């Protein structure tokens, strides 16, 4: 399995019919591209970038990267 960018619909509480239609259309486009969308390039746990303690090995990340950017290639 590969991770894809999430799909989120914000402000859906009390969403009017037109807004629902727009969200449904966007979700349909997302589903249409499910098998062609490029996955998020996360580092693999078993790829040698992480130690046995599940921490990123020193010197593996990009200089200046922090947060989630440390865990993507």
C-alpha atoms as a PDB file:
ATOM      1  CA  UNK A   1       0.000   0.000   0.000  1.00  0.00           C
ATOM      2  CA  UNK A   2       1.101   3.540  -0.648  1.00  0.00           C
ATOM      3  CA  UNK A   3      -0.086   6.682   1.109  1.00  0.00           C
ATOM      4  CA  UNK A   4      -1.921   9.300  -0.930  1.00  0.00           C
ATOM      5  CA  UNK A   5      -2.645  12.904  -0.047  1.00  0.00           C
ATOM      6  CA  UNK A   6      -5.815  13.050   2.055  1.00  0.00           C
ATOM      7  CA  UNK A   7      -9.150  14.259   0.723  1.00  0.00           C
ATOM      8  CA  UNK A   8     -10.890  16.615   3.123  1.00  0.00           C
ATOM      9  CA  UNK A   9     -14.166  18.477   2.838  1.00  0.00           C
ATOM     10  CA  UNK A  10     -14.272  21.416   5.224  1.00  0.00           C
ATOM     11  CA  UNK A  11     -17.311  23.275   6.515  1.00  0.00           C
ATOM     12  CA  UNK A  12     -19.740  20.472   5.801  1.00  0.00           C
ATOM     13  CA  UNK A  13     -22.032  21.098   8.758  1.00  0.00           C
ATOM     14  CA  UNK A  14     -25.135  22.687   7.272  1.00  0.00           C
ATOM     15  CA  UNK A  15     -23.721  22.477   3.744  1.00  0.00           C
ATOM     16  CA  UNK A  16     -26.171  23.760   1.132  1.00  0.00           C
ATOM     17  CA  UNK A  17     -27.138  21.565  -1.816  1.00  0.00           C
ATOM     18  CA  UNK A  18     -24.825  23.450  -4.208  1.00  0.00           C
ATOM     19  CA  UNK A  19     -21.908  23.032  -1.830  1.00  0.00           C
ATOM     20  CA  UNK A  20     -22.644  19.333  -1.454  1.00  0.00           C
ATOM     21  CA  UNK A  21     -22.681  18.944  -5.237  1.00  0.00           C
ATOM     22  CA  UNK A  22     -19.280  20.646  -5.479  1.00  0.00           C
ATOM     23  CA  UNK A  23     -17.795  18.398  -2.777  1.00  0.00           C
ATOM     24  CA  UNK A  24     -19.289  15.299  -4.411  1.00  0.00           C
ATOM     25  CA  UNK A  25     -17.791  16.309  -7.766  1.00  0.00           C
ATOM     26  CA  UNK A  26     -14.357  16.914  -6.221  1.00  0.00           C
ATOM     27  CA  UNK A  27     -14.527  13.564  -4.437  1.00  0.00           C
ATOM     28  CA  UNK A  28     -15.492  11.860  -7.704  1.00  0.00           C
ATOM     29  CA  UNK A  29     -12.440  13.378  -9.416  1.00  0.00           C
ATOM     30  CA  UNK A  30     -10.311  12.125  -6.542  1.00  0.00           C
ATOM     31  CA  UNK A  31     -11.689   8.607  -6.882  1.00  0.00           C
ATOM     32  CA  UNK A  32     -11.156   8.687 -10.650  1.00  0.00           C
ATOM     33  CA  UNK A  33      -7.451   9.344 -10.080  1.00  0.00           C
ATOM     34  CA  UNK A  34      -6.986   6.871  -7.251  1.00  0.00           C
ATOM     35  CA  UNK A  35      -4.850   4.463  -9.291  1.00  0.00           C
ATOM     36  CA  UNK A  36      -2.866   7.095 -11.193  1.00  0.00           C
ATOM     37  CA  UNK A  37      -2.123   9.604  -8.418  1.00  0.00           C
ATOM     38  CA  UNK A  38       1.489   9.669  -7.291  1.00  0.00           C
ATOM     39  CA  UNK A  39       1.864   8.448  -3.708  1.00  0.00           C
ATOM     40  CA  UNK A  40       3.383  10.636  -0.989  1.00  0.00           C
ATOM     41  CA  UNK A  41       7.093   9.711  -1.090  1.00  0.00           C
ATOM     42  CA  UNK A  42       7.392   8.647   2.547  1.00  0.00           C
ATOM     43  CA  UNK A  43      10.561   6.924   3.674  1.00  0.00           C
ATOM     44  CA  UNK A  44      10.089   3.201   4.301  1.00  0.00           C
ATOM     45  CA  UNK A  45      10.655   1.919   7.811  1.00  0.00           C
ATOM     46  CA  UNK A  46      12.540  -1.067   6.402  1.00  0.00           C
ATOM     47  CA  UNK A  47      14.550   0.942   3.857  1.00  0.00           C
ATOM     48  CA  UNK A  48      17.534   1.723   6.087  1.00  0.00           C
ATOM     49  CA  UNK A  49      16.656   5.352   6.858  1.00  0.00           C
ATOM     50  CA  UNK A  50      15.478   4.501  10.387  1.00  0.00           C
ATOM     51  CA  UNK A  51      17.266   2.748  13.230  1.00  0.00           C
ATOM     52  CA  UNK A  52      15.879  -0.058  15.397  1.00  0.00           C
ATOM     53  CA  UNK A  53      14.452   2.631  17.685  1.00  0.00           C
ATOM     54  CA  UNK A  54      12.298   3.865  14.738  1.00  0.00           C
ATOM     55  CA  UNK A  55      14.117   7.215  14.697  1.00  0.00           C
ATOM     56  CA  UNK A  56      15.455   8.724  11.499  1.00  0.00           C
ATOM     57  CA  UNK A  57      19.179   8.036  11.249  1.00  0.00           C
ATOM     58  CA  UNK A  58      21.406  11.064  11.604  1.00  0.00           C
ATOM     59  CA  UNK A  59      22.436  12.639   8.302  1.00  0.00           C
ATOM     60  CA  UNK A  60      19.591  11.041   6.314  1.00  0.00           C
ATOM     61  CA  UNK A  61      17.212  14.025   6.232  1.00  0.00           C
ATOM     62  CA  UNK A  62      17.624  17.100   4.051  1.00  0.00           C
ATOM     63  CA  UNK A  63      19.522  19.946   5.749  1.00  0.00           C
ATOM     64  CA  UNK A  64      17.060  22.371   7.337  1.00  0.00           C
ATOM     65  CA  UNK A  65      14.090  19.992   7.008  1.00  0.00           C
ATOM     66  CA  UNK A  66      11.816  19.504   9.974  1.00  0.00           C
ATOM     67  CA  UNK A  67       8.501  17.916  10.858  1.00  0.00           C
ATOM     68  CA  UNK A  68       6.881  15.789   8.174  1.00  0.00           C
ATOM     69  CA  UNK A  69       9.453  16.905   5.594  1.00  0.00           C
ATOM     70  CA  UNK A  70      12.033  14.787   7.435  1.00  0.00           C
ATOM     71  CA  UNK A  71      10.056  11.659   6.610  1.00  0.00           C
ATOM     72  CA  UNK A  72       9.599  12.213   2.868  1.00  0.00           C
ATOM     73  CA  UNK A  73      12.156  11.680   0.155  1.00  0.00           C
END
